[in-house]
Amino acid sequence: MTWDAAATAPVERIARVLAGHELSRNGEGDIKSAAAAVDVSWPDYTDAALAILKTMREPSGRMLAVGDAAIWDRMIAAAIEDETISER
C-alpha cells in the first residue's frame, strides 16, 4: 500500500508518526522496517493524535509573527472537525 500524506487527514498523519516512533528501531521500538506494522496499528494512536492536534489550536508568538492567527485557527478547527465527524 502506498501512503500519500497530502491526501491523508492530519490526525491520521500524526497517529502514523506516533505509531512509527513507538514501533520503529529509528524511534523507541525494535522493528527494522515498521511500515507494515504502522499500517496496522496507527488507529490505536488516534486519541493521542487528536489530543496533540488540539494543543496546536493556539499558535506561538513566533507563528503569529509570520502568519494569520484566524486562518490558523480555522485550519486546525477543520482538521479536528474532520476527525470527530468521520466514521471509523
PDB file of N, CA and C in Angstrom:
ATOM      1  N   MET A   1       0.842  -1.184   0.000  1.00  0.00           N
ATOM      2  CA  MET A   1       0.000   0.000   0.000  1.00  0.00           C
ATOM      3  C   MET A   1       0.886   1.246   0.000  1.00  0.00           C
ATOM      4  N   THR A   2       0.601   2.167  -0.900  1.00  0.00           N
ATOM      5  CA  THR A   2       1.318   3.433  -0.937  1.00  0.00           C
ATOM      6  C   THR A   2       0.528   4.453  -0.145  1.00  0.00           C
ATOM      7  N   TRP A   3       1.232   5.171   0.721  1.00  0.00           N
ATOM      8  CA  TRP A   3       0.587   6.136   1.599  1.00  0.00           C
ATOM      9  C   TRP A   3       0.934   7.535   1.149  1.00  0.00           C
ATOM     10  N   ASP A   4      -0.065   8.365   0.871  1.00  0.00           N
ATOM     11  CA  ASP A   4       0.112   9.729   0.409  1.00  0.00           C
ATOM     12  C   ASP A   4      -0.288  10.680   1.521  1.00  0.00           C
ATOM     13  N   ALA A   5       0.695  11.310   2.177  1.00  0.00           N
ATOM     14  CA  ALA A   5       0.423  12.198   3.306  1.00  0.00           C
ATOM     15  C   ALA A   5      -0.462  13.371   2.903  1.00  0.00           C
ATOM     16  N   ALA A   6      -0.295  13.877   1.703  1.00  0.00           N
ATOM     17  CA  ALA A   6      -1.083  15.034   1.280  1.00  0.00           C
ATOM     18  C   ALA A   6      -2.566  14.714   1.186  1.00  0.00           C
ATOM     19  N   ALA A   7      -2.891  13.456   0.979  1.00  0.00           N
ATOM     20  CA  ALA A   7      -4.294  13.048   0.862  1.00  0.00           C
ATOM     21  C   ALA A   7      -4.794  12.404   2.145  1.00  0.00           C
ATOM     22  N   THR A   8      -4.028  12.536   3.218  1.00  0.00           N
ATOM     23  CA  THR A   8      -4.354  11.882   4.478  1.00  0.00           C
ATOM     24  C   THR A   8      -4.705  12.936   5.519  1.00  0.00           C
ATOM     25  N   ALA A   9      -5.717  12.662   6.311  1.00  0.00           N
ATOM     26  CA  ALA A   9      -6.147  13.601   7.346  1.00  0.00           C
ATOM     27  C   ALA A   9      -5.020  13.837   8.355  1.00  0.00           C
ATOM     28  N   PRO A  10      -4.924  15.053   8.890  1.00  0.00           N
ATOM     29  CA  PRO A  10      -3.869  15.352   9.854  1.00  0.00           C
ATOM     30  C   PRO A  10      -3.832  14.404  11.050  1.00  0.00           C
ATOM     31  N   VAL A  11      -4.983  14.003  11.562  1.00  0.00           N
ATOM     32  CA  VAL A  11      -4.988  13.099  12.713  1.00  0.00           C
ATOM     33  C   VAL A  11      -4.348  11.761  12.332  1.00  0.00           C
ATOM     34  N   GLU A  12      -4.641  11.265  11.150  1.00  0.00           N
ATOM     35  CA  GLU A  12      -4.012  10.016  10.716  1.00  0.00           C
ATOM     36  C   GLU A  12      -2.510  10.195  10.561  1.00  0.00           C
ATOM     37  N   ARG A  13      -2.087  11.315   9.983  1.00  0.00           N
ATOM     38  CA  ARG A  13      -0.650  11.547   9.818  1.00  0.00           C
ATOM     39  C   ARG A  13       0.060  11.570  11.162  1.00  0.00           C
ATOM     40  N   ILE A  14      -0.533  12.259  12.142  1.00  0.00           N
ATOM     41  CA  ILE A  14       0.069  12.319  13.476  1.00  0.00           C
ATOM     42  C   ILE A  14       0.070  10.930  14.108  1.00  0.00           C
ATOM     43  N   ALA A  15      -1.038  10.204  13.992  1.00  0.00           N
ATOM     44  CA  ALA A  15      -1.127   8.856  14.562  1.00  0.00           C
ATOM     45  C   ALA A  15      -0.076   7.935  13.943  1.00  0.00           C
ATOM     46  N   ARG A  16       0.164   8.071  12.650  1.00  0.00           N
ATOM     47  CA  ARG A  16       1.181   7.256  11.990  1.00  0.00           C
ATOM     48  C   ARG A  16       2.578   7.585  12.520  1.00  0.00           C
ATOM     49  N   VAL A  17       2.836   8.860  12.755  1.00  0.00           N
ATOM     50  CA  VAL A  17       4.138   9.244  13.312  1.00  0.00           C
ATOM     51  C   VAL A  17       4.302   8.667  14.708  1.00  0.00           C
ATOM     52  N   LEU A  18       3.261   8.757  15.528  1.00  0.00           N
ATOM     53  CA  LEU A  18       3.327   8.203  16.882  1.00  0.00           C
ATOM     54  C   LEU A  18       3.554   6.691  16.852  1.00  0.00           C
ATOM     55  N   ALA A  19       2.827   6.010  15.993  1.00  0.00           N
ATOM     56  CA  ALA A  19       2.994   4.564  15.878  1.00  0.00           C
ATOM     57  C   ALA A  19       4.403   4.227  15.395  1.00  0.00           C
ATOM     58  N   GLY A  20       4.864   4.935  14.387  1.00  0.00           N
ATOM     59  CA  GLY A  20       6.201   4.694  13.867  1.00  0.00           C
ATOM     60  C   GLY A  20       7.271   4.941  14.910  1.00  0.00           C
ATOM     61  N   HIS A  21       7.098   5.988  15.681  1.00  0.00           N
ATOM     62  CA  HIS A  21       8.074   6.291  16.729  1.00  0.00           C
ATOM     63  C   HIS A  21       8.126   5.180  17.776  1.00  0.00           C
ATOM     64  N   GLU A  22       6.972   4.661  18.126  1.00  0.00           N
ATOM     65  CA  GLU A  22       6.939   3.603  19.136  1.00  0.00           C
ATOM     66  C   GLU A  22       7.447   2.265  18.598  1.00  0.00           C
ATOM     67  N   LEU A  23       7.151   1.970  17.343  1.00  0.00           N
ATOM     68  CA  LEU A  23       7.453   0.648  16.798  1.00  0.00           C
ATOM     69  C   LEU A  23       8.818   0.537  16.130  1.00  0.00           C
ATOM     70  N   SER A  24       9.257   1.602  15.489  1.00  0.00           N
ATOM     71  CA  SER A  24      10.451   1.553  14.662  1.00  0.00           C
ATOM     72  C   SER A  24      11.747   1.616  15.460  1.00  0.00           C
ATOM     73  N   ARG A  25      12.733   0.934  14.938  1.00  0.00           N
ATOM     74  CA  ARG A  25      14.078   1.000  15.504  1.00  0.00           C
ATOM     75  C   ARG A  25      14.615   2.436  15.448  1.00  0.00           C
ATOM     76  N   ASN A  26      14.121   3.237  14.515  1.00  0.00           N
ATOM     77  CA  ASN A  26      14.531   4.639  14.416  1.00  0.00           C
ATOM     78  C   ASN A  26      13.935   5.485  15.537  1.00  0.00           C
ATOM     79  N   GLY A  27      12.974   4.934  16.249  1.00  0.00           N
ATOM     80  CA  GLY A  27      12.362   5.611  17.391  1.00  0.00           C
ATOM     81  C   GLY A  27      12.673   4.842  18.650  1.00  0.00           C
ATOM     82  N   GLU A  28      11.621   4.414  19.324  1.00  0.00           N
ATOM     83  CA  GLU A  28      11.791   3.678  20.576  1.00  0.00           C
ATOM     84  C   GLU A  28      11.574   2.180  20.428  1.00  0.00           C
ATOM     85  N   GLY A  29      11.228   1.737  19.232  1.00  0.00           N
ATOM     86  CA  GLY A  29      10.908   0.328  19.031  1.00  0.00           C
ATOM     87  C   GLY A  29      12.081  -0.504  18.579  1.00  0.00           C
ATOM     88  N   ASP A  30      11.764  -1.691  18.107  1.00  0.00           N
ATOM     89  CA  ASP A  30      12.818  -2.599  17.677  1.00  0.00           C
ATOM     90  C   ASP A  30      12.573  -3.201  16.297  1.00  0.00           C
ATOM     91  N   ILE A  31      11.584  -2.674  15.579  1.00  0.00           N
ATOM     92  CA  ILE A  31      11.290  -3.188  14.238  1.00  0.00           C
ATOM     93  C   ILE A  31      12.155  -2.447  13.221  1.00  0.00           C
ATOM     94  N   LYS A  32      12.907  -3.222  12.430  1.00  0.00           N
ATOM     95  CA  LYS A  32      13.819  -2.621  11.448  1.00  0.00           C
ATOM     96  C   LYS A  32      13.055  -1.837  10.377  1.00  0.00           C
ATOM     97  N   SER A  33      12.005  -2.423   9.840  1.00  0.00           N
ATOM     98  CA  SER A  33      11.170  -1.767   8.842  1.00  0.00           C
ATOM     99  C   SER A  33       9.729  -1.843   9.335  1.00  0.00           C
ATOM    100  N   ALA A  34       9.247  -0.767   9.920  1.00  0.00           N
ATOM    101  CA  ALA A  34       7.977  -0.787  10.636  1.00  0.00           C
ATOM    102  C   ALA A  34       6.772  -0.368   9.797  1.00  0.00           C
ATOM    103  N   ALA A  35       6.933  -0.135   8.521  1.00  0.00           N
ATOM    104  CA  ALA A  35       5.826   0.386   7.702  1.00  0.00           C
ATOM    105  C   ALA A  35       4.569  -0.473   7.787  1.00  0.00           C
ATOM    106  N   ALA A  36       4.716  -1.771   7.650  1.00  0.00           N
ATOM    107  CA  ALA A  36       3.539  -2.659   7.689  1.00  0.00           C
ATOM    108  C   ALA A  36       2.885  -2.627   9.070  1.00  0.00           C
ATOM    109  N   ALA A  37       3.694  -2.613  10.109  1.00  0.00           N
ATOM    110  CA  ALA A  37       3.158  -2.557  11.473  1.00  0.00           C
ATOM    111  C   ALA A  37       2.450  -1.237  11.725  1.00  0.00           C
ATOM    112  N   VAL A  38       2.981  -0.157  11.185  1.00  0.00           N
ATOM    113  CA  VAL A  38       2.334   1.156  11.328  1.00  0.00           C
ATOM    114  C   VAL A  38       0.998   1.162  10.603  1.00  0.00           C
ATOM    115  N   ASP A  39       0.958   0.568   9.405  1.00  0.00           N
ATOM    116  CA  ASP A  39      -0.305   0.496   8.657  1.00  0.00           C
ATOM    117  C   ASP A  39      -1.404  -0.188   9.468  1.00  0.00           C
ATOM    118  N   VAL A  40      -1.035  -1.177  10.257  1.00  0.00           N
ATOM    119  CA  VAL A  40      -1.999  -1.919  11.058  1.00  0.00           C
ATOM    120  C   VAL A  40      -2.343  -1.188  12.357  1.00  0.00           C
ATOM    121  N   SER A  41      -1.352  -0.580  12.995  1.00  0.00           N
ATOM    122  CA  SER A  41      -1.559  -0.087  14.364  1.00  0.00           C
ATOM    123  C   SER A  41      -1.870   1.394  14.505  1.00  0.00           C
ATOM    124  N   TRP A  42      -1.738   2.190  13.449  1.00  0.00           N
ATOM    125  CA  TRP A  42      -1.937   3.628  13.630  1.00  0.00           C
ATOM    126  C   TRP A  42      -3.305   3.992  14.210  1.00  0.00           C
ATOM    127  N   PRO A  43      -4.391   3.257  13.909  1.00  0.00           N
ATOM    128  CA  PRO A  43      -5.677   3.653  14.517  1.00  0.00           C
ATOM    129  C   PRO A  43      -5.658   3.629  16.049  1.00  0.00           C
ATOM    130  N   ASP A  44      -4.774   2.836  16.634  1.00  0.00           N
ATOM    131  CA  ASP A  44      -4.659   2.798  18.089  1.00  0.00           C
ATOM    132  C   ASP A  44      -4.115   4.101  18.661  1.00  0.00           C
ATOM    133  N   TYR A  45      -3.574   4.946  17.827  1.00  0.00           N
ATOM    134  CA  TYR A  45      -2.943   6.192  18.264  1.00  0.00           C
ATOM    135  C   TYR A  45      -3.784   7.432  17.945  1.00  0.00           C
ATOM    136  N   THR A  46      -5.005   7.242  17.448  1.00  0.00           N
ATOM    137  CA  THR A  46      -5.794   8.400  17.032  1.00  0.00           C
ATOM    138  C   THR A  46      -6.227   9.284  18.199  1.00  0.00           C
ATOM    139  N   ASP A  47      -6.500   8.711  19.360  1.00  0.00           N
ATOM    140  CA  ASP A  47      -6.869   9.552  20.503  1.00  0.00           C
ATOM    141  C   ASP A  47      -5.714  10.470  20.893  1.00  0.00           C
ATOM    142  N   ALA A  48      -4.515   9.926  20.950  1.00  0.00           N
ATOM    143  CA  ALA A  48      -3.336  10.739  21.273  1.00  0.00           C
ATOM    144  C   ALA A  48      -3.079  11.765  20.175  1.00  0.00           C
ATOM    145  N   ALA A  49      -3.268  11.372  18.930  1.00  0.00           N
ATOM    146  CA  ALA A  49      -3.057  12.289  17.816  1.00  0.00           C
ATOM    147  C   ALA A  49      -4.046  13.450  17.863  1.00  0.00           C
ATOM    148  N   LEU A  50      -5.288  13.160  18.178  1.00  0.00           N
ATOM    149  CA  LEU A  50      -6.294  14.216  18.283  1.00  0.00           C
ATOM    150  C   LEU A  50      -5.956  15.157  19.436  1.00  0.00           C
ATOM    151  N   ALA A  51      -5.480  14.612  20.541  1.00  0.00           N
ATOM    152  CA  ALA A  51      -5.075  15.447  21.672  1.00  0.00           C
ATOM    153  C   ALA A  51      -3.923  16.375  21.277  1.00  0.00           C
ATOM    154  N   ILE A  52      -2.975  15.846  20.523  1.00  0.00           N
ATOM    155  CA  ILE A  52      -1.856  16.670  20.057  1.00  0.00           C
ATOM    156  C   ILE A  52      -2.358  17.772  19.145  1.00  0.00           C
ATOM    157  N   LEU A  53      -3.231  17.414  18.217  1.00  0.00           N
ATOM    158  CA  LEU A  53      -3.769  18.417  17.297  1.00  0.00           C
ATOM    159  C   LEU A  53      -4.515  19.508  18.064  1.00  0.00           C
ATOM    160  N   LYS A  54      -5.251  19.137  19.091  1.00  0.00           N
ATOM    161  CA  LYS A  54      -5.973  20.136  19.891  1.00  0.00           C
ATOM    162  C   LYS A  54      -5.024  21.092  20.602  1.00  0.00           C
ATOM    163  N   THR A  55      -3.831  20.611  20.964  1.00  0.00           N
ATOM    164  CA  THR A  55      -2.872  21.513  21.603  1.00  0.00           C
ATOM    165  C   THR A  55      -2.318  22.524  20.617  1.00  0.00           C
ATOM    166  N   MET A  56      -2.442  22.237  19.337  1.00  0.00           N
ATOM    167  CA  MET A  56      -1.932  23.138  18.302  1.00  0.00           C
ATOM    168  C   MET A  56      -2.882  24.293  18.004  1.00  0.00           C
ATOM    169  N   ARG A  57      -4.030  24.328  18.664  1.00  0.00           N
ATOM    170  CA  ARG A  57      -5.001  25.387  18.381  1.00  0.00           C
ATOM    171  C   ARG A  57      -4.455  26.779  18.651  1.00  0.00           C
ATOM    172  N   GLU A  58      -3.596  26.911  19.628  1.00  0.00           N
ATOM    173  CA  GLU A  58      -3.034  28.213  19.967  1.00  0.00           C
ATOM    174  C   GLU A  58      -1.653  28.361  19.318  1.00  0.00           C
ATOM    175  N   PRO A  59      -1.519  29.278  18.363  1.00  0.00           N
ATOM    176  CA  PRO A  59      -0.215  29.474  17.733  1.00  0.00           C
ATOM    177  C   PRO A  59       0.758  30.150  18.707  1.00  0.00           C
ATOM    178  N   SER A  60       2.034  29.874  18.521  1.00  0.00           N
ATOM    179  CA  SER A  60       3.062  30.516  19.342  1.00  0.00           C
ATOM    180  C   SER A  60       3.269  31.954  18.879  1.00  0.00           C
ATOM    181  N   GLY A  61       3.995  32.692  19.667  1.00  0.00           N
ATOM    182  CA  GLY A  61       4.304  34.073  19.295  1.00  0.00           C
ATOM    183  C   GLY A  61       5.047  34.159  17.974  1.00  0.00           C
ATOM    184  N   ARG A  62       5.965  33.255  17.767  1.00  0.00           N
ATOM    185  CA  ARG A  62       6.728  33.242  16.509  1.00  0.00           C
ATOM    186  C   ARG A  62       5.820  32.922  15.327  1.00  0.00           C
ATOM    187  N   MET A  63       4.885  31.997  15.529  1.00  0.00           N
ATOM    188  CA  MET A  63       3.934  31.669  14.471  1.00  0.00           C
ATOM    189  C   MET A  63       3.072  32.882  14.136  1.00  0.00           C
ATOM    190  N   LEU A  64       2.631  33.587  15.170  1.00  0.00           N
ATOM    191  CA  LEU A  64       1.812  34.777  14.952  1.00  0.00           C
ATOM    192  C   LEU A  64       2.574  35.861  14.198  1.00  0.00           C
ATOM    193  N   ALA A  65       3.878  35.932  14.410  1.00  0.00           N
ATOM    194  CA  ALA A  65       4.692  36.949  13.751  1.00  0.00           C
ATOM    195  C   ALA A  65       4.776  36.741  12.240  1.00  0.00           C
ATOM    196  N   VAL A  66       4.539  35.511  11.785  1.00  0.00           N
ATOM    197  CA  VAL A  66       4.690  35.244  10.353  1.00  0.00           C
ATOM    198  C   VAL A  66       3.395  34.827   9.662  1.00  0.00           C
ATOM    199  N   GLY A  67       2.320  34.697  10.415  1.00  0.00           N
ATOM    200  CA  GLY A  67       1.086  34.226   9.791  1.00  0.00           C
ATOM    201  C   GLY A  67      -0.156  34.831  10.405  1.00  0.00           C
ATOM    202  N   ASP A  68      -1.278  34.425   9.898  1.00  0.00           N
ATOM    203  CA  ASP A  68      -2.574  34.927  10.310  1.00  0.00           C
ATOM    204  C   ASP A  68      -3.211  33.965  11.306  1.00  0.00           C
ATOM    205  N   ALA A  69      -3.419  34.426  12.536  1.00  0.00           N
ATOM    206  CA  ALA A  69      -3.966  33.576  13.594  1.00  0.00           C
ATOM    207  C   ALA A  69      -5.365  33.075  13.254  1.00  0.00           C
ATOM    208  N   ALA A  70      -6.170  33.886  12.608  1.00  0.00           N
ATOM    209  CA  ALA A  70      -7.536  33.474  12.280  1.00  0.00           C
ATOM    210  C   ALA A  70      -7.535  32.325  11.271  1.00  0.00           C
ATOM    211  N   ILE A  71      -6.633  32.395  10.310  1.00  0.00           N
ATOM    212  CA  ILE A  71      -6.532  31.310   9.324  1.00  0.00           C
ATOM    213  C   ILE A  71      -6.043  30.042  10.007  1.00  0.00           C
ATOM    214  N   TRP A  72      -5.024  30.175  10.850  1.00  0.00           N
ATOM    215  CA  TRP A  72      -4.505  29.020  11.589  1.00  0.00           C
ATOM    216  C   TRP A  72      -5.627  28.376  12.396  1.00  0.00           C
ATOM    217  N   ASP A  73      -6.388  29.181  13.102  1.00  0.00           N
ATOM    218  CA  ASP A  73      -7.482  28.670  13.929  1.00  0.00           C
ATOM    219  C   ASP A  73      -8.490  27.893  13.087  1.00  0.00           C
ATOM    220  N   ARG A  74      -8.860  28.446  11.942  1.00  0.00           N
ATOM    221  CA  ARG A  74      -9.826  27.765  11.069  1.00  0.00           C
ATOM    222  C   ARG A  74      -9.251  26.458  10.514  1.00  0.00           C
ATOM    223  N   MET A  75      -7.976  26.451  10.198  1.00  0.00           N
ATOM    224  CA  MET A  75      -7.349  25.244   9.651  1.00  0.00           C
ATOM    225  C   MET A  75      -7.297  24.133  10.703  1.00  0.00           C
ATOM    226  N   ILE A  76      -6.893  24.466  11.909  1.00  0.00           N
ATOM    227  CA  ILE A  76      -6.828  23.461  12.972  1.00  0.00           C
ATOM    228  C   ILE A  76      -8.235  22.986  13.330  1.00  0.00           C
ATOM    229  N   ALA A  77      -9.171  23.917  13.425  1.00  0.00           N
ATOM    230  CA  ALA A  77     -10.553  23.534  13.732  1.00  0.00           C
ATOM    231  C   ALA A  77     -11.108  22.588  12.667  1.00  0.00           C
ATOM    232  N   ALA A  78     -10.795  22.846  11.401  1.00  0.00           N
ATOM    233  CA  ALA A  78     -11.264  21.977  10.319  1.00  0.00           C
ATOM    234  C   ALA A  78     -10.644  20.585  10.434  1.00  0.00           C
ATOM    235  N   ALA A  79      -9.368  20.526  10.789  1.00  0.00           N
ATOM    236  CA  ALA A  79      -8.700  19.231  10.945  1.00  0.00           C
ATOM    237  C   ALA A  79      -9.325  18.442  12.093  1.00  0.00           C
ATOM    238  N   ILE A  80      -9.630  19.111  13.178  1.00  0.00           N
ATOM    239  CA  ILE A  80     -10.269  18.451  14.322  1.00  0.00           C
ATOM    240  C   ILE A  80     -11.679  18.013  13.949  1.00  0.00           C
ATOM    241  N   GLU A  81     -12.403  18.882  13.272  1.00  0.00           N
ATOM    242  CA  GLU A  81     -13.769  18.551  12.858  1.00  0.00           C
ATOM    243  C   GLU A  81     -13.777  17.371  11.900  1.00  0.00           C
ATOM    244  N   ASP A  82     -12.834  17.338  10.972  1.00  0.00           N
ATOM    245  CA  ASP A  82     -12.742  16.196  10.049  1.00  0.00           C
ATOM    246  C   ASP A  82     -12.655  14.893  10.815  1.00  0.00           C
ATOM    247  N   GLU A  83     -11.861  14.876  11.856  1.00  0.00           N
ATOM    248  CA  GLU A  83     -11.666  13.648  12.623  1.00  0.00           C
ATOM    249  C   GLU A  83     -12.880  13.305  13.462  1.00  0.00           C
ATOM    250  N   THR A  84     -13.495  14.281  14.073  1.00  0.00           N
ATOM    251  CA  THR A  84     -14.584  13.988  15.002  1.00  0.00           C
ATOM    252  C   THR A  84     -15.874  13.656  14.289  1.00  0.00           C
ATOM    253  N   ILE A  85     -16.004  14.006  12.998  1.00  0.00           N
ATOM    254  CA  ILE A  85     -17.226  13.652  12.283  1.00  0.00           C
ATOM    255  C   ILE A  85     -17.042  12.449  11.362  1.00  0.00           C
ATOM    256  N   SER A  86     -15.770  12.025  11.159  1.00  0.00           N
ATOM    257  CA  SER A  86     -15.547  10.897  10.260  1.00  0.00           C
ATOM    258  C   SER A  86     -15.921   9.595  10.944  1.00  0.00           C
ATOM    259  N   GLU A  87     -16.308   8.644  10.135  1.00  0.00           N
ATOM    260  CA  GLU A  87     -16.663   7.320  10.660  1.00  0.00           C
ATOM    261  C   GLU A  87     -15.455   6.416  10.594  1.00  0.00           C
ATOM    262  N   ARG A  88     -15.253   5.660  11.598  1.00  0.00           N
ATOM    263  CA  ARG A  88     -14.125   4.705  11.663  1.00  0.00           C
ATOM    264  C   ARG A  88     -14.679   3.313  11.518  1.00  0.00           C
TER     265      ARG A  88
END
